[in-house]
Amino acid sequence: MEFVTLRNGVKMPKLGYGVYQVSKEECGRCVLDALKVGYRHLDTAQSYFNE
């Protein structure tokens, strides 16, 4: 997996998993599935109403 180093020294995976337009009902399952297959960069936002 490729990473980018942020200004504070933290390495962040370049490839992330986003939950924009995923329903509240499905979001938890989708995020758990993403973690199980190796995702470590999850894109969530309060404005999505599913974080």
PDB file of N, CA and C in Angstrom:
ATOM      1  N   MET A   1       0.839  -1.173   0.000  1.00  0.00           N
ATOM      2  CA  MET A   1       0.000   0.000   0.000  1.00  0.00           C
ATOM      3  C   MET A   1       0.888   1.242   0.000  1.00  0.00           C
ATOM      4  N   GLU A   2       0.483   2.231  -0.747  1.00  0.00           N
ATOM      5  CA  GLU A   2       1.244   3.477  -0.806  1.00  0.00           C
ATOM      6  C   GLU A   2       0.732   4.452   0.253  1.00  0.00           C
ATOM      7  N   PHE A   3       1.658   5.233   0.800  1.00  0.00           N
ATOM      8  CA  PHE A   3       1.329   6.197   1.845  1.00  0.00           C
ATOM      9  C   PHE A   3       1.812   7.583   1.447  1.00  0.00           C
ATOM     10  N   VAL A   4       1.219   8.590   2.056  1.00  0.00           N
ATOM     11  CA  VAL A   4       1.684   9.962   1.943  1.00  0.00           C
ATOM     12  C   VAL A   4       1.996  10.407   3.376  1.00  0.00           C
ATOM     13  N   THR A   5       3.083  11.146   3.552  1.00  0.00           N
ATOM     14  CA  THR A   5       3.437  11.637   4.882  1.00  0.00           C
ATOM     15  C   THR A   5       2.881  13.042   5.049  1.00  0.00           C
ATOM     16  N   LEU A   6       2.069  13.224   6.083  1.00  0.00           N
ATOM     17  CA  LEU A   6       1.473  14.516   6.374  1.00  0.00           C
ATOM     18  C   LEU A   6       2.490  15.434   7.051  1.00  0.00           C
ATOM     19  N   ARG A   7       2.181  16.707   7.130  1.00  0.00           N
ATOM     20  CA  ARG A   7       3.119  17.676   7.720  1.00  0.00           C
ATOM     21  C   ARG A   7       3.463  17.360   9.171  1.00  0.00           C
ATOM     22  N   ASN A   8       2.573  16.689   9.876  1.00  0.00           N
ATOM     23  CA  ASN A   8       2.843  16.347  11.274  1.00  0.00           C
ATOM     24  C   ASN A   8       3.599  15.029  11.418  1.00  0.00           C
ATOM     25  N   GLY A   9       4.018  14.440  10.289  1.00  0.00           N
ATOM     26  CA  GLY A   9       4.802  13.211  10.312  1.00  0.00           C
ATOM     27  C   GLY A   9       3.992  11.931  10.237  1.00  0.00           C
ATOM     28  N   VAL A  10       2.683  12.029  10.313  1.00  0.00           N
ATOM     29  CA  VAL A  10       1.819  10.853  10.261  1.00  0.00           C
ATOM     30  C   VAL A  10       1.742  10.339   8.824  1.00  0.00           C
ATOM     31  N   LYS A  11       1.852   9.027   8.662  1.00  0.00           N
ATOM     32  CA  LYS A  11       1.707   8.417   7.337  1.00  0.00           C
ATOM     33  C   LYS A  11       0.255   8.003   7.144  1.00  0.00           C
ATOM     34  N   MET A  12      -0.334   8.416   6.017  1.00  0.00           N
ATOM     35  CA  MET A  12      -1.725   8.129   5.714  1.00  0.00           C
ATOM     36  C   MET A  12      -1.786   7.348   4.407  1.00  0.00           C
ATOM     37  N   PRO A  13      -2.568   6.251   4.382  1.00  0.00           N
ATOM     38  CA  PRO A  13      -2.708   5.508   3.128  1.00  0.00           C
ATOM     39  C   PRO A  13      -3.289   6.401   2.032  1.00  0.00           C
ATOM     40  N   LYS A  14      -2.767   6.249   0.810  1.00  0.00           N
ATOM     41  CA  LYS A  14      -3.278   7.040  -0.309  1.00  0.00           C
ATOM     42  C   LYS A  14      -4.668   6.588  -0.730  1.00  0.00           C
ATOM     43  N   LEU A  15      -4.959   5.325  -0.560  1.00  0.00           N
ATOM     44  CA  LEU A  15      -6.259   4.784  -0.946  1.00  0.00           C
ATOM     45  C   LEU A  15      -7.156   4.713   0.281  1.00  0.00           C
ATOM     46  N   GLY A  16      -8.328   5.322   0.197  1.00  0.00           N
ATOM     47  CA  GLY A  16      -9.246   5.319   1.322  1.00  0.00           C
ATOM     48  C   GLY A  16     -10.615   4.793   0.925  1.00  0.00           C
ATOM     49  N   TYR A  17     -11.435   4.565   1.918  1.00  0.00           N
ATOM     50  CA  TYR A  17     -12.792   4.068   1.716  1.00  0.00           C
ATOM     51  C   TYR A  17     -13.755   5.159   2.158  1.00  0.00           C
ATOM     52  N   GLY A  18     -14.604   5.614   1.261  1.00  0.00           N
ATOM     53  CA  GLY A  18     -15.549   6.674   1.568  1.00  0.00           C
ATOM     54  C   GLY A  18     -16.958   6.156   1.767  1.00  0.00           C
ATOM     55  N   VAL A  19     -17.706   6.845   2.619  1.00  0.00           N
ATOM     56  CA  VAL A  19     -19.072   6.425   2.910  1.00  0.00           C
ATOM     57  C   VAL A  19     -20.102   7.479   2.482  1.00  0.00           C
ATOM     58  N   TYR A  20     -19.717   8.376   1.586  1.00  0.00           N
ATOM     59  CA  TYR A  20     -20.660   9.370   1.072  1.00  0.00           C
ATOM     60  C   TYR A  20     -21.805   8.663   0.361  1.00  0.00           C
ATOM     61  N   GLN A  21     -23.003   9.019   0.689  1.00  0.00           N
ATOM     62  CA  GLN A  21     -24.236   8.470   0.130  1.00  0.00           C
ATOM     63  C   GLN A  21     -24.498   7.012   0.506  1.00  0.00           C
ATOM     64  N   VAL A  22     -23.834   6.506   1.543  1.00  0.00           N
ATOM     65  CA  VAL A  22     -24.155   5.185   2.082  1.00  0.00           C
ATOM     66  C   VAL A  22     -25.173   5.414   3.192  1.00  0.00           C
ATOM     67  N   SER A  23     -26.253   4.654   3.203  1.00  0.00           N
ATOM     68  CA  SER A  23     -27.310   4.856   4.202  1.00  0.00           C
ATOM     69  C   SER A  23     -26.806   4.539   5.609  1.00  0.00           C
ATOM     70  N   LYS A  24     -27.457   5.162   6.600  1.00  0.00           N
ATOM     71  CA  LYS A  24     -27.126   4.886   8.005  1.00  0.00           C
ATOM     72  C   LYS A  24     -27.215   3.398   8.300  1.00  0.00           C
ATOM     73  N   GLU A  25     -28.217   2.768   7.732  1.00  0.00           N
ATOM     74  CA  GLU A  25     -28.457   1.352   7.997  1.00  0.00           C
ATOM     75  C   GLU A  25     -27.328   0.459   7.477  1.00  0.00           C
ATOM     76  N   GLU A  26     -26.686   0.841   6.407  1.00  0.00           N
ATOM     77  CA  GLU A  26     -25.624   0.023   5.811  1.00  0.00           C
ATOM     78  C   GLU A  26     -24.216   0.448   6.204  1.00  0.00           C
ATOM     79  N   CYS A  27     -24.063   1.642   6.713  1.00  0.00           N
ATOM     80  CA  CYS A  27     -22.735   2.211   6.925  1.00  0.00           C
ATOM     81  C   CYS A  27     -21.863   1.362   7.856  1.00  0.00           C
ATOM     82  N   GLY A  28     -22.406   0.945   8.973  1.00  0.00           N
ATOM     83  CA  GLY A  28     -21.622   0.152   9.928  1.00  0.00           C
ATOM     84  C   GLY A  28     -21.080  -1.121   9.306  1.00  0.00           C
ATOM     85  N   ARG A  29     -21.947  -1.831   8.583  1.00  0.00           N
ATOM     86  CA  ARG A  29     -21.514  -3.070   7.930  1.00  0.00           C
ATOM     87  C   ARG A  29     -20.457  -2.799   6.881  1.00  0.00           C
ATOM     88  N   CYS A  30     -20.653  -1.741   6.098  1.00  0.00           N
ATOM     89  CA  CYS A  30     -19.692  -1.412   5.037  1.00  0.00           C
ATOM     90  C   CYS A  30     -18.319  -1.075   5.608  1.00  0.00           C
ATOM     91  N   VAL A  31     -18.299  -0.295   6.686  1.00  0.00           N
ATOM     92  CA  VAL A  31     -17.025   0.079   7.300  1.00  0.00           C
ATOM     93  C   VAL A  31     -16.348  -1.154   7.894  1.00  0.00           C
ATOM     94  N   LEU A  32     -17.099  -2.005   8.564  1.00  0.00           N
ATOM     95  CA  LEU A  32     -16.502  -3.232   9.115  1.00  0.00           C
ATOM     96  C   LEU A  32     -15.936  -4.110   8.008  1.00  0.00           C
ATOM     97  N   ASP A  33     -16.659  -4.238   6.908  1.00  0.00           N
ATOM     98  CA  ASP A  33     -16.164  -5.015   5.772  1.00  0.00           C
ATOM     99  C   ASP A  33     -14.880  -4.404   5.217  1.00  0.00           C
ATOM    100  N   ALA A  34     -14.841  -3.075   5.105  1.00  0.00           N
ATOM    101  CA  ALA A  34     -13.648  -2.393   4.599  1.00  0.00           C
ATOM    102  C   ALA A  34     -12.449  -2.644   5.516  1.00  0.00           C
ATOM    103  N   LEU A  35     -12.657  -2.578   6.821  1.00  0.00           N
ATOM    104  CA  LEU A  35     -11.568  -2.841   7.770  1.00  0.00           C
ATOM    105  C   LEU A  35     -11.082  -4.287   7.661  1.00  0.00           C
ATOM    106  N   LYS A  36     -12.011  -5.224   7.491  1.00  0.00           N
ATOM    107  CA  LYS A  36     -11.646  -6.643   7.386  1.00  0.00           C
ATOM    108  C   LYS A  36     -10.762  -6.927   6.178  1.00  0.00           C
ATOM    109  N   VAL A  37     -10.979  -6.193   5.086  1.00  0.00           N
ATOM    110  CA  VAL A  37     -10.173  -6.438   3.889  1.00  0.00           C
ATOM    111  C   VAL A  37      -8.921  -5.572   3.823  1.00  0.00           C
ATOM    112  N   GLY A  38      -8.695  -4.730   4.864  1.00  0.00           N
ATOM    113  CA  GLY A  38      -7.419  -4.026   4.946  1.00  0.00           C
ATOM    114  C   GLY A  38      -7.436  -2.516   4.850  1.00  0.00           C
ATOM    115  N   TYR A  39      -8.578  -1.900   4.603  1.00  0.00           N
ATOM    116  CA  TYR A  39      -8.612  -0.433   4.564  1.00  0.00           C
ATOM    117  C   TYR A  39      -8.282   0.136   5.934  1.00  0.00           C
ATOM    118  N   ARG A  40      -7.500   1.208   5.959  1.00  0.00           N
ATOM    119  CA  ARG A  40      -7.169   1.900   7.202  1.00  0.00           C
ATOM    120  C   ARG A  40      -7.421   3.401   7.106  1.00  0.00           C
ATOM    121  N   HIS A  41      -7.808   3.857   5.927  1.00  0.00           N
ATOM    122  CA  HIS A  41      -8.139   5.266   5.693  1.00  0.00           C
ATOM    123  C   HIS A  41      -9.625   5.312   5.376  1.00  0.00           C
ATOM    124  N   LEU A  42     -10.422   5.803   6.333  1.00  0.00           N
ATOM    125  CA  LEU A  42     -11.867   5.862   6.165  1.00  0.00           C
ATOM    126  C   LEU A  42     -12.289   7.324   6.082  1.00  0.00           C
ATOM    127  N   ASP A  43     -13.017   7.665   5.036  1.00  0.00           N
ATOM    128  CA  ASP A  43     -13.483   9.032   4.819  1.00  0.00           C
ATOM    129  C   ASP A  43     -14.925   9.145   5.288  1.00  0.00           C
ATOM    130  N   THR A  44     -15.107   9.838   6.414  1.00  0.00           N
ATOM    131  CA  THR A  44     -16.444  10.077   6.952  1.00  0.00           C
ATOM    132  C   THR A  44     -16.611  11.574   7.176  1.00  0.00           C
ATOM    133  N   ALA A  45     -17.843  12.005   7.331  1.00  0.00           N
ATOM    134  CA  ALA A  45     -18.107  13.405   7.644  1.00  0.00           C
ATOM    135  C   ALA A  45     -19.458  13.512   8.323  1.00  0.00           C
ATOM    136  N   GLN A  46     -19.558  14.415   9.259  1.00  0.00           N
ATOM    137  CA  GLN A  46     -20.816  14.611   9.962  1.00  0.00           C
ATOM    138  C   GLN A  46     -21.928  14.982   8.986  1.00  0.00           C
ATOM    139  N   SER A  47     -21.583  15.697   7.943  1.00  0.00           N
ATOM    140  CA  SER A  47     -22.594  16.138   6.968  1.00  0.00           C
ATOM    141  C   SER A  47     -23.175  14.974   6.161  1.00  0.00           C
ATOM    142  N   TYR A  48     -22.531  13.805   6.192  1.00  0.00           N
ATOM    143  CA  TYR A  48     -23.086  12.629   5.504  1.00  0.00           C
ATOM    144  C   TYR A  48     -24.228  12.002   6.306  1.00  0.00           C
ATOM    145  N   PHE A  49     -24.335  12.375   7.592  1.00  0.00           N
ATOM    146  CA  PHE A  49     -25.339  11.837   8.516  1.00  0.00           C
ATOM    147  C   PHE A  49     -25.242  10.324   8.680  1.00  0.00           C
ATOM    148  N   ASN A  50     -24.027   9.791   8.600  1.00  0.00           N
ATOM    149  CA  ASN A  50     -23.865   8.354   8.794  1.00  0.00           C
ATOM    150  C   ASN A  50     -22.554   8.012   9.509  1.00  0.00           C
ATOM    151  N   GLU A  51     -21.894   9.022  10.083  1.00  0.00           N
ATOM    152  CA  GLU A  51     -20.606   8.727  10.706  1.00  0.00           C
ATOM    153  C   GLU A  51     -20.746   7.973  11.999  1.00  0.00           C
TER     154      GLU A  51
END
